[in-house]
Amino acid sequence: MNRKFELHTEDKNREGIERIVKSHFSSFSIQGQIGFWQGGIEKSLCIVITGTKKDVHAVVDIARRIKTLNKQDSVLVVKTLVHGTLI
């Protein structure tokens, strides 16, 4: 079964974020959005990666590297089991 990984982070250093994700995956999406963190509003990103159970370690590495790059308290990682087909 496939997994959909979502990483939610502040929208800064986008080129650096893209480099970090590209170091592990060749296919992914980055969606701009508005987020709220500790009562404040901020521009944020949702990085969407479809993969397998084996990819969880790479996703955690990406989140840690983004957290360090952007000097953030945390990066939210959401994992969802999905049934999907490329057509």
C-alpha atoms as a PDB file:
ATOM      1  CA  MET A   1       0.000   0.000   0.000  1.00  0.00           C
ATOM      2  CA  ASN A   2       1.242   3.475  -0.854  1.00  0.00           C
ATOM      3  CA  ARG A   3       1.726   6.317   1.552  1.00  0.00           C
ATOM      4  CA  LYS A   4       1.155  10.011   1.109  1.00  0.00           C
ATOM      5  CA  PHE A   5       3.560  12.096   3.137  1.00  0.00           C
ATOM      6  CA  GLU A   6       2.840  15.758   3.820  1.00  0.00           C
ATOM      7  CA  LEU A   7       5.448  18.054   5.325  1.00  0.00           C
ATOM      8  CA  HIS A   8       4.138  21.382   6.625  1.00  0.00           C
ATOM      9  CA  THR A   9       6.724  24.126   7.032  1.00  0.00           C
ATOM     10  CA  GLU A  10       7.204  27.872   6.864  1.00  0.00           C
ATOM     11  CA  ASP A  11       7.494  29.316   3.341  1.00  0.00           C
ATOM     12  CA  LYS A  12      11.083  30.529   3.349  1.00  0.00           C
ATOM     13  CA  ASN A  13      14.273  29.302   1.691  1.00  0.00           C
ATOM     14  CA  ARG A  14      12.136  27.617  -0.959  1.00  0.00           C
ATOM     15  CA  GLU A  15      15.101  26.880  -3.249  1.00  0.00           C
ATOM     16  CA  GLY A  16      16.904  25.208  -0.355  1.00  0.00           C
ATOM     17  CA  ILE A  17      13.794  23.188   0.458  1.00  0.00           C
ATOM     18  CA  GLU A  18      13.520  22.078  -3.167  1.00  0.00           C
ATOM     19  CA  ARG A  19      17.172  20.955  -3.159  1.00  0.00           C
ATOM     20  CA  ILE A  20      16.644  18.977   0.050  1.00  0.00           C
ATOM     21  CA  VAL A  21      13.556  17.175  -1.275  1.00  0.00           C
ATOM     22  CA  LYS A  22      15.175  16.546  -4.688  1.00  0.00           C
ATOM     23  CA  SER A  23      18.094  14.840  -2.928  1.00  0.00           C
ATOM     24  CA  HIS A  24      15.682  12.013  -2.016  1.00  0.00           C
ATOM     25  CA  PHE A  25      12.781  12.150  -4.496  1.00  0.00           C
ATOM     26  CA  SER A  26      12.375  13.002  -8.179  1.00  0.00           C
ATOM     27  CA  SER A  27       8.587  13.459  -8.009  1.00  0.00           C
ATOM     28  CA  PHE A  28       6.729  15.601  -5.456  1.00  0.00           C
ATOM     29  CA  SER A  29       4.505  18.679  -5.135  1.00  0.00           C
ATOM     30  CA  ILE A  30       4.952  21.898  -3.193  1.00  0.00           C
ATOM     31  CA  GLN A  31       1.800  23.856  -2.414  1.00  0.00           C
ATOM     32  CA  GLY A  32       1.758  27.371  -0.979  1.00  0.00           C
ATOM     33  CA  GLN A  33      -0.738  28.064   1.785  1.00  0.00           C
ATOM     34  CA  ILE A  34      -1.470  30.197   4.827  1.00  0.00           C
ATOM     35  CA  GLY A  35      -0.762  28.620   8.200  1.00  0.00           C
ATOM     36  CA  PHE A  36      -1.284  29.522  11.826  1.00  0.00           C
ATOM     37  CA  TRP A  37       1.405  28.751  14.409  1.00  0.00           C
ATOM     38  CA  GLN A  38       1.058  29.609  18.087  1.00  0.00           C
ATOM     39  CA  GLY A  39      -1.614  32.208  17.346  1.00  0.00           C
ATOM     40  CA  GLY A  40       0.263  33.912  14.507  1.00  0.00           C
ATOM     41  CA  ILE A  41      -0.356  33.764  10.778  1.00  0.00           C
ATOM     42  CA  GLU A  42       2.437  32.860   8.338  1.00  0.00           C
ATOM     43  CA  LYS A  43       2.990  31.847   4.753  1.00  0.00           C
ATOM     44  CA  SER A  44       3.602  28.127   4.716  1.00  0.00           C
ATOM     45  CA  LEU A  45       4.236  25.214   2.389  1.00  0.00           C
ATOM     46  CA  CYS A  46       2.820  21.728   2.130  1.00  0.00           C
ATOM     47  CA  ILE A  47       5.247  19.315   0.471  1.00  0.00           C
ATOM     48  CA  VAL A  48       3.434  16.229  -0.820  1.00  0.00           C
ATOM     49  CA  ILE A  49       5.340  13.023  -1.560  1.00  0.00           C
ATOM     50  CA  THR A  50       3.810   9.703  -2.563  1.00  0.00           C
ATOM     51  CA  GLY A  51       5.916   6.706  -1.635  1.00  0.00           C
ATOM     52  CA  THR A  52       6.097   3.439   0.232  1.00  0.00           C
ATOM     53  CA  LYS A  53       6.723   2.357   3.803  1.00  0.00           C
ATOM     54  CA  LYS A  54      10.469   2.309   3.038  1.00  0.00           C
ATOM     55  CA  ASP A  55      10.419   6.055   2.275  1.00  0.00           C
ATOM     56  CA  VAL A  56       9.571   7.121   5.845  1.00  0.00           C
ATOM     57  CA  HIS A  57      13.260   7.456   6.792  1.00  0.00           C
ATOM     58  CA  ALA A  58      13.944   9.742   3.825  1.00  0.00           C
ATOM     59  CA  VAL A  59      10.896  11.875   4.695  1.00  0.00           C
ATOM     60  CA  VAL A  60      12.038  12.241   8.313  1.00  0.00           C
ATOM     61  CA  ASP A  61      15.512  13.230   7.078  1.00  0.00           C
ATOM     62  CA  ILE A  62      13.950  15.867   4.819  1.00  0.00           C
ATOM     63  CA  ALA A  63      11.893  17.265   7.709  1.00  0.00           C
ATOM     64  CA  ARG A  64      14.946  17.466   9.971  1.00  0.00           C
ATOM     65  CA  ARG A  65      17.015  19.202   7.303  1.00  0.00           C
ATOM     66  CA  ILE A  66      14.232  21.725   6.572  1.00  0.00           C
ATOM     67  CA  LYS A  67      13.835  22.374  10.306  1.00  0.00           C
ATOM     68  CA  THR A  68      17.560  23.140  10.544  1.00  0.00           C
ATOM     69  CA  LEU A  69      17.626  25.223   7.334  1.00  0.00           C
ATOM     70  CA  ASN A  70      14.740  27.420   8.452  1.00  0.00           C
ATOM     71  CA  LYS A  71      15.662  27.458  12.170  1.00  0.00           C
ATOM     72  CA  GLN A  72      12.174  26.248  13.069  1.00  0.00           C
ATOM     73  CA  ASP A  73      10.830  24.755  16.286  1.00  0.00           C
ATOM     74  CA  SER A  74       9.306  21.913  14.273  1.00  0.00           C
ATOM     75  CA  VAL A  75       8.157  20.650  10.880  1.00  0.00           C
ATOM     76  CA  LEU A  76       4.894  18.692  10.829  1.00  0.00           C
ATOM     77  CA  VAL A  77       5.009  15.330   9.019  1.00  0.00           C
ATOM     78  CA  VAL A  78       1.689  13.636   8.195  1.00  0.00           C
ATOM     79  CA  LYS A  79       1.576  10.067   6.852  1.00  0.00           C
ATOM     80  CA  THR A  80      -1.591   8.699   5.247  1.00  0.00           C
ATOM     81  CA  LEU A  81      -2.191   5.263   3.735  1.00  0.00           C
ATOM     82  CA  VAL A  82      -3.585   5.698   0.217  1.00  0.00           C
ATOM     83  CA  HIS A  83      -4.867   3.620  -2.661  1.00  0.00           C
ATOM     84  CA  GLY A  84      -3.835   5.374  -5.828  1.00  0.00           C
ATOM     85  CA  THR A  85      -3.252   4.555  -9.474  1.00  0.00           C
ATOM     86  CA  LEU A  86      -1.369   6.458 -12.147  1.00  0.00           C
ATOM     87  CA  ILE A  87      -3.511   6.624 -15.282  1.00  0.00           C
END
